[in-house]
């Protein structure tokens, strides 16, 4: 495994950490791995997240090019979120986190 001795803005681990940082970010990505979700679906599945935090995390993921937002011109407006091709590349990371988390439960 390659080691990264310098942690600067070019470090791939630092870049990934910057995008995936925050309590809710990886959980939002996890939920979107199964397909398109509406805002309310995400909020229901993420027990405890505030509407403001969900909106901020979705905007950050959209700005990073990992999530696409589609707004349908209906009354009321319908908004869906889905992972982009770049966002789907996070799937092995989420799977590794799930495996790691499952191993932690076995240790306790």
Protein backbone atom coordinates (compact mmCIF):
# COMPACT_ATOMS: atom_id res chain seq x y z
CA UNK A 1 0.00 0.00 0.00
CA UNK A 2 1.31 3.42 -0.92
CA UNK A 3 2.01 5.80 1.94
CA UNK A 4 1.51 9.54 1.76
CA UNK A 5 4.17 11.32 3.76
CA UNK A 6 3.10 14.87 2.95
CA UNK A 7 -0.39 16.12 3.71
CA UNK A 8 -0.98 19.13 1.49
CA UNK A 9 -3.74 20.17 -0.91
CA UNK A 10 -2.45 17.64 -3.47
CA UNK A 11 -2.67 14.67 -1.09
CA UNK A 12 -5.41 12.33 -2.39
CA UNK A 13 -6.41 11.31 1.14
CA UNK A 14 -6.78 14.97 2.15
CA UNK A 15 -8.88 15.65 -0.96
CA UNK A 16 -11.18 12.71 -0.23
CA UNK A 17 -11.42 13.66 3.43
CA UNK A 18 -12.34 17.21 2.49
CA UNK A 19 -15.22 16.03 0.31
CA UNK A 20 -16.46 13.35 2.69
CA UNK A 21 -16.01 15.30 5.91
CA UNK A 22 -18.88 15.98 8.25
CA UNK A 23 -21.20 13.78 10.21
CA UNK A 24 -23.84 13.36 7.51
CA UNK A 25 -21.98 13.37 4.21
CA UNK A 26 -21.16 9.67 3.94
CA UNK A 27 -24.65 8.75 5.13
CA UNK A 28 -26.21 10.89 2.39
CA UNK A 29 -23.98 9.21 -0.19
CA UNK A 30 -24.90 5.80 1.26
CA UNK A 31 -28.59 6.56 0.81
CA UNK A 32 -28.09 7.80 -2.76
CA UNK A 33 -26.20 4.66 -3.78
CA UNK A 34 -29.55 2.88 -4.14
CA UNK A 35 -30.80 5.48 -6.65
CA UNK A 36 -32.59 8.81 -6.93
CA UNK A 37 -34.12 10.21 -3.76
CA UNK A 38 -36.33 13.16 -3.02
CA UNK A 39 -35.34 15.60 -0.30
CA UNK A 40 -38.01 14.31 2.11
CA UNK A 41 -36.91 10.70 1.57
CA UNK A 42 -33.37 11.63 2.54
CA UNK A 43 -34.53 13.57 5.57
CA UNK A 44 -36.65 10.65 6.81
CA UNK A 45 -33.82 8.15 6.39
CA UNK A 46 -31.29 10.35 8.23
CA UNK A 47 -32.83 10.51 11.67
CA UNK A 48 -31.65 13.62 13.49
CA UNK A 49 -30.41 15.70 10.54
CA UNK A 50 -31.78 19.23 10.40
CA UNK A 51 -33.29 20.52 7.15
CA UNK A 52 -30.61 23.21 7.04
CA UNK A 53 -27.78 20.68 7.42
CA UNK A 54 -29.24 18.36 4.78
CA UNK A 55 -29.56 21.24 2.32
CA UNK A 56 -26.00 22.38 3.05
CA UNK A 57 -24.52 18.89 2.62
CA UNK A 58 -26.44 18.29 -0.61
CA UNK A 59 -25.27 21.67 -1.96
CA UNK A 60 -21.67 20.85 -1.02
CA UNK A 61 -21.88 17.45 -2.75
CA UNK A 62 -23.46 19.10 -5.78
CA UNK A 63 -20.69 21.74 -5.90
CA UNK A 64 -18.11 18.92 -5.72
CA UNK A 65 -19.74 17.27 -8.74
CA UNK A 66 -20.78 14.18 -6.79
CA UNK A 67 -24.54 14.76 -6.69
CA UNK A 68 -26.91 15.97 -9.40
CA UNK A 69 -30.06 17.85 -8.50
CA UNK A 70 -33.10 17.79 -10.77
CA UNK A 71 -36.02 20.16 -10.16
CA UNK A 72 -39.31 19.32 -11.85
CA UNK A 73 -41.65 22.24 -12.58
CA UNK A 74 -44.67 20.97 -10.69
CA UNK A 75 -46.74 22.46 -7.89
CA UNK A 76 -45.23 22.02 -5.40
CA UNK A 77 -41.84 21.64 -7.11
CA UNK A 78 -40.42 18.13 -7.05
CA UNK A 79 -36.67 17.86 -6.46
CA UNK A 80 -34.62 14.69 -6.84
CA UNK A 81 -31.01 14.00 -6.01
CA UNK A 82 -28.79 11.30 -7.46
CA UNK A 83 -25.11 10.46 -7.54
CA UNK A 84 -23.17 11.44 -10.61
CA UNK A 85 -20.67 9.09 -12.23
CA UNK A 86 -17.99 10.68 -10.03
CA UNK A 87 -20.22 10.23 -6.98
CA UNK A 88 -20.68 6.54 -7.73
CA UNK A 89 -16.92 6.09 -7.43
CA UNK A 90 -17.38 6.49 -3.65
CA UNK A 91 -19.28 3.19 -3.44
CA UNK A 92 -16.19 1.07 -2.57
CA UNK A 93 -15.30 3.57 0.17
CA UNK A 94 -18.78 3.27 1.70
CA UNK A 95 -18.60 -0.53 1.39
CA UNK A 96 -15.23 -0.53 3.17
CA UNK A 97 -16.66 1.70 5.90
CA UNK A 98 -19.60 -0.70 6.31
CA UNK A 99 -17.24 -3.67 6.61
CA UNK A 100 -15.07 -1.79 9.09
CA UNK A 101 -18.13 -0.77 11.12
CA UNK A 102 -19.45 -4.33 11.15
CA UNK A 103 -16.07 -5.46 12.49
CA UNK A 104 -16.26 -2.89 15.27
CA UNK A 105 -19.61 -4.26 16.38
CA UNK A 106 -18.05 -7.73 16.63
CA UNK A 107 -15.25 -6.41 18.87
CA UNK A 108 -17.55 -4.70 21.38
